[in-house]
Amino acid sequence: MGTLEVEQFLSYLAIQREVAPSTQNQALNALVFLFRDVLEQDLGKFKNIRWAKRRETIPVVLTQSEVQALLSTIKSGSQQ
């Protein structure tokens, strides 16, 4: 296993597993540590990694009637 396989694995994490960028980065750091400090092998430069992209988060917004229903449920539950 070498640079090519590490690149393929990290790309697989991003494309197929759709991991967060921090997860992909943690996997990269673990592999670099393994090769450098344990196996004493140089991986060289990575050129062909597909990096994970940060996902946009969409805020969840309740309608006025949903908020009223939620508040009435909370109020009636606290009176018991």
PDB file of N, CA and C in Angstrom:
ATOM      1  N   MET A   1       0.852  -1.175   0.000  1.00  0.00           N
ATOM      2  CA  MET A   1       0.000   0.000   0.000  1.00  0.00           C
ATOM      3  C   MET A   1       0.896   1.235   0.000  1.00  0.00           C
ATOM      4  N   GLY A   2       0.528   2.195  -0.814  1.00  0.00           N
ATOM      5  CA  GLY A   2       1.331   3.408  -0.919  1.00  0.00           C
ATOM      6  C   GLY A   2       0.464   4.627  -1.163  1.00  0.00           C
ATOM      7  N   THR A   3       1.059   5.641  -1.760  1.00  0.00           N
ATOM      8  CA  THR A   3       0.389   6.921  -1.989  1.00  0.00           C
ATOM      9  C   THR A   3      -0.892   6.754  -2.798  1.00  0.00           C
ATOM     10  N   LEU A   4      -0.850   5.972  -3.855  1.00  0.00           N
ATOM     11  CA  LEU A   4      -2.022   5.786  -4.716  1.00  0.00           C
ATOM     12  C   LEU A   4      -3.195   5.209  -3.930  1.00  0.00           C
ATOM     13  N   GLU A   5      -2.944   4.186  -3.125  1.00  0.00           N
ATOM     14  CA  GLU A   5      -4.022   3.555  -2.353  1.00  0.00           C
ATOM     15  C   GLU A   5      -4.571   4.492  -1.282  1.00  0.00           C
ATOM     16  N   VAL A   6      -3.696   5.281  -0.675  1.00  0.00           N
ATOM     17  CA  VAL A   6      -4.152   6.252   0.325  1.00  0.00           C
ATOM     18  C   VAL A   6      -5.033   7.303  -0.347  1.00  0.00           C
ATOM     19  N   GLU A   7      -4.624   7.786  -1.518  1.00  0.00           N
ATOM     20  CA  GLU A   7      -5.446   8.749  -2.258  1.00  0.00           C
ATOM     21  C   GLU A   7      -6.801   8.155  -2.622  1.00  0.00           C
ATOM     22  N   GLN A   8      -6.794   6.905  -3.075  1.00  0.00           N
ATOM     23  CA  GLN A   8      -8.049   6.248  -3.438  1.00  0.00           C
ATOM     24  C   GLN A   8      -8.961   6.094  -2.226  1.00  0.00           C
ATOM     25  N   PHE A   9      -8.388   5.708  -1.093  1.00  0.00           N
ATOM     26  CA  PHE A   9      -9.182   5.537   0.121  1.00  0.00           C
ATOM     27  C   PHE A   9      -9.783   6.859   0.586  1.00  0.00           C
ATOM     28  N   LEU A  10      -8.977   7.912   0.600  1.00  0.00           N
ATOM     29  CA  LEU A  10      -9.476   9.220   1.044  1.00  0.00           C
ATOM     30  C   LEU A  10     -10.540   9.759   0.085  1.00  0.00           C
ATOM     31  N   SER A  11     -10.363   9.510  -1.210  1.00  0.00           N
ATOM     32  CA  SER A  11     -11.383   9.912  -2.186  1.00  0.00           C
ATOM     33  C   SER A  11     -12.665   9.109  -1.996  1.00  0.00           C
ATOM     34  N   TYR A  12     -12.525   7.816  -1.707  1.00  0.00           N
ATOM     35  CA  TYR A  12     -13.683   6.959  -1.430  1.00  0.00           C
ATOM     36  C   TYR A  12     -14.473   7.502  -0.244  1.00  0.00           C
ATOM     37  N   LEU A  13     -13.773   7.932   0.799  1.00  0.00           N
ATOM     38  CA  LEU A  13     -14.460   8.492   1.964  1.00  0.00           C
ATOM     39  C   LEU A  13     -15.293   9.711   1.579  1.00  0.00           C
ATOM     40  N   ALA A  14     -14.735  10.559   0.730  1.00  0.00           N
ATOM     41  CA  ALA A  14     -15.435  11.791   0.338  1.00  0.00           C
ATOM     42  C   ALA A  14     -16.590  11.519  -0.607  1.00  0.00           C
ATOM     43  N   ILE A  15     -16.365  10.648  -1.592  1.00  0.00           N
ATOM     44  CA  ILE A  15     -17.352  10.460  -2.652  1.00  0.00           C
ATOM     45  C   ILE A  15     -18.448   9.480  -2.244  1.00  0.00           C
ATOM     46  N   GLN A  16     -18.047   8.285  -1.829  1.00  0.00           N
ATOM     47  CA  GLN A  16     -19.041   7.252  -1.551  1.00  0.00           C
ATOM     48  C   GLN A  16     -19.609   7.293  -0.136  1.00  0.00           C
ATOM     49  N   ARG A  17     -18.754   7.562   0.805  1.00  0.00           N
ATOM     50  CA  ARG A  17     -19.221   7.581   2.188  1.00  0.00           C
ATOM     51  C   ARG A  17     -19.727   8.955   2.601  1.00  0.00           C
ATOM     52  N   GLU A  18     -19.418   9.974   1.820  1.00  0.00           N
ATOM     53  CA  GLU A  18     -19.860  11.355   2.076  1.00  0.00           C
ATOM     54  C   GLU A  18     -19.549  11.815   3.500  1.00  0.00           C
ATOM     55  N   VAL A  19     -18.312  11.552   3.934  1.00  0.00           N
ATOM     56  CA  VAL A  19     -17.925  11.956   5.274  1.00  0.00           C
ATOM     57  C   VAL A  19     -17.675  13.459   5.321  1.00  0.00           C
ATOM     58  N   ALA A  20     -17.665  13.992   6.520  1.00  0.00           N
ATOM     59  CA  ALA A  20     -17.370  15.410   6.712  1.00  0.00           C
ATOM     60  C   ALA A  20     -15.887  15.653   6.440  1.00  0.00           C
ATOM     61  N   PRO A  21     -15.536  16.874   6.059  1.00  0.00           N
ATOM     62  CA  PRO A  21     -14.124  17.178   5.823  1.00  0.00           C
ATOM     63  C   PRO A  21     -13.234  16.858   7.025  1.00  0.00           C
ATOM     64  N   SER A  22     -13.732  17.097   8.234  1.00  0.00           N
ATOM     65  CA  SER A  22     -12.928  16.807   9.424  1.00  0.00           C
ATOM     66  C   SER A  22     -12.666  15.314   9.578  1.00  0.00           C
ATOM     67  N   THR A  23     -13.625  14.484   9.187  1.00  0.00           N
ATOM     68  CA  THR A  23     -13.440  13.030   9.256  1.00  0.00           C
ATOM     69  C   THR A  23     -12.396  12.581   8.245  1.00  0.00           C
ATOM     70  N   GLN A  24     -12.472  13.122   7.037  1.00  0.00           N
ATOM     71  CA  GLN A  24     -11.494  12.779   6.017  1.00  0.00           C
ATOM     72  C   GLN A  24     -10.100  13.245   6.448  1.00  0.00           C
ATOM     73  N   ASN A  25     -10.015  14.412   7.028  1.00  0.00           N
ATOM     74  CA  ASN A  25      -8.737  14.943   7.499  1.00  0.00           C
ATOM     75  C   ASN A  25      -8.158  14.086   8.625  1.00  0.00           C
ATOM     76  N   GLN A  26      -9.021  13.606   9.504  1.00  0.00           N
ATOM     77  CA  GLN A  26      -8.563  12.741  10.594  1.00  0.00           C
ATOM     78  C   GLN A  26      -8.017  11.427  10.032  1.00  0.00           C
ATOM     79  N   ALA A  27      -8.684  10.875   9.022  1.00  0.00           N
ATOM     80  CA  ALA A  27      -8.202   9.649   8.385  1.00  0.00           C
ATOM     81  C   ALA A  27      -6.846   9.898   7.719  1.00  0.00           C
ATOM     82  N   LEU A  28      -6.703  11.027   7.052  1.00  0.00           N
ATOM     83  CA  LEU A  28      -5.435  11.380   6.421  1.00  0.00           C
ATOM     84  C   LEU A  28      -4.321  11.457   7.459  1.00  0.00           C
ATOM     85  N   ASN A  29      -4.573  12.159   8.555  1.00  0.00           N
ATOM     86  CA  ASN A  29      -3.554  12.303   9.589  1.00  0.00           C
ATOM     87  C   ASN A  29      -3.182  10.971  10.216  1.00  0.00           C
ATOM     88  N   ALA A  30      -4.161  10.093  10.412  1.00  0.00           N
ATOM     89  CA  ALA A  30      -3.883   8.775  10.969  1.00  0.00           C
ATOM     90  C   ALA A  30      -3.002   7.961  10.021  1.00  0.00           C
ATOM     91  N   LEU A  31      -3.307   8.024   8.723  1.00  0.00           N
ATOM     92  CA  LEU A  31      -2.510   7.283   7.744  1.00  0.00           C
ATOM     93  C   LEU A  31      -1.095   7.850   7.617  1.00  0.00           C
ATOM     94  N   VAL A  32      -0.973   9.166   7.634  1.00  0.00           N
ATOM     95  CA  VAL A  32       0.359   9.780   7.579  1.00  0.00           C
ATOM     96  C   VAL A  32       1.170   9.360   8.798  1.00  0.00           C
ATOM     97  N   PHE A  33       0.555   9.367   9.978  1.00  0.00           N
ATOM     98  CA  PHE A  33       1.239   8.922  11.194  1.00  0.00           C
ATOM     99  C   PHE A  33       1.666   7.465  11.072  1.00  0.00           C
ATOM    100  N   LEU A  34       0.758   6.609  10.605  1.00  0.00           N
ATOM    101  CA  LEU A  34       1.073   5.189  10.449  1.00  0.00           C
ATOM    102  C   LEU A  34       2.283   4.991   9.540  1.00  0.00           C
ATOM    103  N   PHE A  35       2.254   5.610   8.371  1.00  0.00           N
ATOM    104  CA  PHE A  35       3.340   5.415   7.417  1.00  0.00           C
ATOM    105  C   PHE A  35       4.645   6.041   7.900  1.00  0.00           C
ATOM    106  N   ARG A  36       4.574   7.266   8.423  1.00  0.00           N
ATOM    107  CA  ARG A  36       5.786   7.984   8.807  1.00  0.00           C
ATOM    108  C   ARG A  36       6.419   7.424  10.079  1.00  0.00           C
ATOM    109  N   ASP A  37       5.605   7.238  11.142  1.00  0.00           N
ATOM    110  CA  ASP A  37       6.166   6.904  12.449  1.00  0.00           C
ATOM    111  C   ASP A  37       6.189   5.420  12.762  1.00  0.00           C
ATOM    112  N   VAL A  38       5.282   4.651  12.201  1.00  0.00           N
ATOM    113  CA  VAL A  38       5.230   3.215  12.504  1.00  0.00           C
ATOM    114  C   VAL A  38       5.952   2.410  11.425  1.00  0.00           C
ATOM    115  N   LEU A  39       5.558   2.620  10.172  1.00  0.00           N
ATOM    116  CA  LEU A  39       6.146   1.854   9.072  1.00  0.00           C
ATOM    117  C   LEU A  39       7.439   2.473   8.544  1.00  0.00           C
ATOM    118  N   GLU A  40       7.700   3.730   8.956  1.00  0.00           N
ATOM    119  CA  GLU A  40       8.879   4.471   8.517  1.00  0.00           C
ATOM    120  C   GLU A  40       8.998   4.508   6.996  1.00  0.00           C
ATOM    121  N   GLN A  41       7.867   4.851   6.350  1.00  0.00           N
ATOM    122  CA  GLN A  41       7.818   4.994   4.898  1.00  0.00           C
ATOM    123  C   GLN A  41       7.305   6.393   4.567  1.00  0.00           C
ATOM    124  N   ASP A  42       7.848   6.967   3.512  1.00  0.00           N
ATOM    125  CA  ASP A  42       7.410   8.289   3.077  1.00  0.00           C
ATOM    126  C   ASP A  42       6.299   8.127   2.046  1.00  0.00           C
ATOM    127  N   LEU A  43       5.166   8.774   2.276  1.00  0.00           N
ATOM    128  CA  LEU A  43       4.060   8.705   1.318  1.00  0.00           C
ATOM    129  C   LEU A  43       4.240   9.670   0.155  1.00  0.00           C
ATOM    130  N   GLY A  44       5.085  10.652   0.304  1.00  0.00           N
ATOM    131  CA  GLY A  44       5.269  11.627  -0.763  1.00  0.00           C
ATOM    132  C   GLY A  44       4.128  12.635  -0.783  1.00  0.00           C
ATOM    133  N   LYS A  45       3.958  13.267  -1.920  1.00  0.00           N
ATOM    134  CA  LYS A  45       2.914  14.284  -2.083  1.00  0.00           C
ATOM    135  C   LYS A  45       1.642  13.657  -2.626  1.00  0.00           C
ATOM    136  N   PHE A  46       0.513  14.138  -2.133  1.00  0.00           N
ATOM    137  CA  PHE A  46      -0.783  13.690  -2.633  1.00  0.00           C
ATOM    138  C   PHE A  46      -1.220  14.640  -3.743  1.00  0.00           C
ATOM    139  N   LYS A  47      -1.615  14.081  -4.879  1.00  0.00           N
ATOM    140  CA  LYS A  47      -1.992  14.911  -6.018  1.00  0.00           C
ATOM    141  C   LYS A  47      -3.437  14.688  -6.466  1.00  0.00           C
ATOM    142  N   ASN A  48      -3.996  13.526  -6.187  1.00  0.00           N
ATOM    143  CA  ASN A  48      -5.288  13.167  -6.777  1.00  0.00           C
ATOM    144  C   ASN A  48      -6.340  12.795  -5.734  1.00  0.00           C
ATOM    145  N   ILE A  49      -6.443  13.569  -4.693  1.00  0.00           N
ATOM    146  CA  ILE A  49      -7.454  13.292  -3.667  1.00  0.00           C
ATOM    147  C   ILE A  49      -8.682  14.147  -3.951  1.00  0.00           C
ATOM    148  N   ARG A  50      -9.849  13.530  -3.932  1.00  0.00           N
ATOM    149  CA  ARG A  50     -11.112  14.281  -3.985  1.00  0.00           C
ATOM    150  C   ARG A  50     -11.452  14.655  -2.549  1.00  0.00           C
ATOM    151  N   TRP A  51     -11.414  15.914  -2.235  1.00  0.00           N
ATOM    152  CA  TRP A  51     -11.640  16.371  -0.873  1.00  0.00           C
ATOM    153  C   TRP A  51     -13.133  16.490  -0.577  1.00  0.00           C
ATOM    154  N   ALA A  52     -13.488  16.145   0.648  1.00  0.00           N
ATOM    155  CA  ALA A  52     -14.870  16.275   1.098  1.00  0.00           C
ATOM    156  C   ALA A  52     -15.232  17.747   1.158  1.00  0.00           C
ATOM    157  N   LYS A  53     -16.474  18.033   0.844  1.00  0.00           N
ATOM    158  CA  LYS A  53     -16.949  19.412   0.874  1.00  0.00           C
ATOM    159  C   LYS A  53     -17.847  19.619   2.088  1.00  0.00           C
ATOM    160  N   ARG A  54     -17.735  20.796   2.644  1.00  0.00           N
ATOM    161  CA  ARG A  54     -18.577  21.152   3.775  1.00  0.00           C
ATOM    162  C   ARG A  54     -20.002  21.334   3.285  1.00  0.00           C
ATOM    163  N   ARG A  55     -20.935  20.723   3.979  1.00  0.00           N
ATOM    164  CA  ARG A  55     -22.340  20.817   3.568  1.00  0.00           C
ATOM    165  C   ARG A  55     -22.976  22.086   4.102  1.00  0.00           C
ATOM    166  N   GLU A  56     -23.830  22.634   3.287  1.00  0.00           N
ATOM    167  CA  GLU A  56     -24.617  23.782   3.720  1.00  0.00           C
ATOM    168  C   GLU A  56     -25.703  23.267   4.660  1.00  0.00           C
ATOM    169  N   THR A  57     -25.917  23.958   5.742  1.00  0.00           N
ATOM    170  CA  THR A  57     -27.003  23.570   6.636  1.00  0.00           C
ATOM    171  C   THR A  57     -28.183  24.502   6.407  1.00  0.00           C
ATOM    172  N   ILE A  58     -29.338  23.915   6.342  1.00  0.00           N
ATOM    173  CA  ILE A  58     -30.559  24.682   6.140  1.00  0.00           C
ATOM    174  C   ILE A  58     -31.257  24.795   7.489  1.00  0.00           C
ATOM    175  N   PRO A  59     -31.533  26.004   7.929  1.00  0.00           N
ATOM    176  CA  PRO A  59     -32.174  26.155   9.233  1.00  0.00           C
ATOM    177  C   PRO A  59     -33.601  25.601   9.214  1.00  0.00           C
ATOM    178  N   VAL A  60     -33.980  25.025  10.314  1.00  0.00           N
ATOM    179  CA  VAL A  60     -35.333  24.505  10.458  1.00  0.00           C
ATOM    180  C   VAL A  60     -36.193  25.615  11.055  1.00  0.00           C
ATOM    181  N   VAL A  61     -37.255  25.956  10.365  1.00  0.00           N
ATOM    182  CA  VAL A  61     -38.130  27.037  10.810  1.00  0.00           C
ATOM    183  C   VAL A  61     -39.538  26.470  10.964  1.00  0.00           C
ATOM    184  N   LEU A  62     -40.150  26.776  12.097  1.00  0.00           N
ATOM    185  CA  LEU A  62     -41.521  26.337  12.347  1.00  0.00           C
ATOM    186  C   LEU A  62     -42.498  27.428  11.906  1.00  0.00           C
ATOM    187  N   THR A  63     -43.657  27.001  11.453  1.00  0.00           N
ATOM    188  CA  THR A  63     -44.702  27.966  11.119  1.00  0.00           C
ATOM    189  C   THR A  63     -45.296  28.504  12.414  1.00  0.00           C
ATOM    190  N   GLN A  64     -46.076  29.583  12.312  1.00  0.00           N
ATOM    191  CA  GLN A  64     -46.698  30.153  13.509  1.00  0.00           C
ATOM    192  C   GLN A  64     -47.618  29.142  14.183  1.00  0.00           C
ATOM    193  N   SER A  65     -48.379  28.399  13.388  1.00  0.00           N
ATOM    194  CA  SER A  65     -49.298  27.422  13.980  1.00  0.00           C
ATOM    195  C   SER A  65     -48.533  26.286  14.657  1.00  0.00           C
ATOM    196  N   GLU A  66     -47.389  25.892  14.109  1.00  0.00           N
ATOM    197  CA  GLU A  66     -46.579  24.848  14.741  1.00  0.00           C
ATOM    198  C   GLU A  66     -46.005  25.330  16.067  1.00  0.00           C
ATOM    199  N   VAL A  67     -45.580  26.597  16.111  1.00  0.00           N
ATOM    200  CA  VAL A  67     -45.055  27.168  17.353  1.00  0.00           C
ATOM    201  C   VAL A  67     -46.166  27.250  18.393  1.00  0.00           C
ATOM    202  N   GLN A  68     -47.349  27.685  17.984  1.00  0.00           N
ATOM    203  CA  GLN A  68     -48.470  27.776  18.919  1.00  0.00           C
ATOM    204  C   GLN A  68     -48.839  26.396  19.464  1.00  0.00           C
ATOM    205  N   ALA A  69     -48.860  25.385  18.611  1.00  0.00           N
ATOM    206  CA  ALA A  69     -49.176  24.034  19.047  1.00  0.00           C
ATOM    207  C   ALA A  69     -48.107  23.524  20.019  1.00  0.00           C
ATOM    208  N   LEU A  70     -46.866  23.805  19.732  1.00  0.00           N
ATOM    209  CA  LEU A  70     -45.775  23.383  20.607  1.00  0.00           C
ATOM    210  C   LEU A  70     -45.867  24.065  21.960  1.00  0.00           C
ATOM    211  N   LEU A  71     -46.105  25.372  21.956  1.00  0.00           N
ATOM    212  CA  LEU A  71     -46.209  26.108  23.219  1.00  0.00           C
ATOM    213  C   LEU A  71     -47.421  25.676  24.033  1.00  0.00           C
ATOM    214  N   SER A  72     -48.524  25.397  23.381  1.00  0.00           N
ATOM    215  CA  SER A  72     -49.711  24.964  24.112  1.00  0.00           C
ATOM    216  C   SER A  72     -49.471  23.570  24.720  1.00  0.00           C
ATOM    217  N   THR A  73     -48.743  22.736  24.042  1.00  0.00           N
ATOM    218  CA  THR A  73     -48.402  21.405  24.578  1.00  0.00           C
ATOM    219  C   THR A  73     -47.493  21.543  25.783  1.00  0.00           C
ATOM    220  N   ILE A  74     -46.539  22.460  25.705  1.00  0.00           N
ATOM    221  CA  ILE A  74     -45.627  22.660  26.830  1.00  0.00           C
ATOM    222  C   ILE A  74     -46.386  23.230  28.034  1.00  0.00           C
ATOM    223  N   LYS A  75     -47.264  24.212  27.774  1.00  0.00           N
ATOM    224  CA  LYS A  75     -48.040  24.817  28.860  1.00  0.00           C
ATOM    225  C   LYS A  75     -48.956  23.801  29.526  1.00  0.00           C
ATOM    226  N   SER A  76     -49.651  22.991  28.741  1.00  0.00           N
ATOM    227  CA  SER A  76     -50.571  22.009  29.332  1.00  0.00           C
ATOM    228  C   SER A  76     -49.800  20.904  30.043  1.00  0.00           C
ATOM    229  N   GLY A  77     -48.625  20.583  29.597  1.00  0.00           N
ATOM    230  CA  GLY A  77     -47.813  19.548  30.241  1.00  0.00           C
ATOM    231  C   GLY A  77     -47.251  20.026  31.577  1.00  0.00           C
ATOM    232  N   SER A  78     -46.966  21.321  31.722  1.00  0.00           N
ATOM    233  CA  SER A  78     -46.415  21.840  32.977  1.00  0.00           C
ATOM    234  C   SER A  78     -47.473  22.025  34.041  1.00  0.00           C
ATOM    235  N   GLN A  79     -48.755  22.051  33.679  1.00  0.00           N
ATOM    236  CA  GLN A  79     -49.832  22.212  34.645  1.00  0.00           C
ATOM    237  C   GLN A  79     -50.198  20.914  35.324  1.00  0.00           C
ATOM    238  N   GLN A  80     -49.743  19.805  34.791  1.00  0.00           N
ATOM    239  CA  GLN A  80     -50.092  18.507  35.386  1.00  0.00           C
ATOM    240  C   GLN A  80     -49.251  18.181  36.577  1.00  0.00           C
TER     241      GLN A  80
END
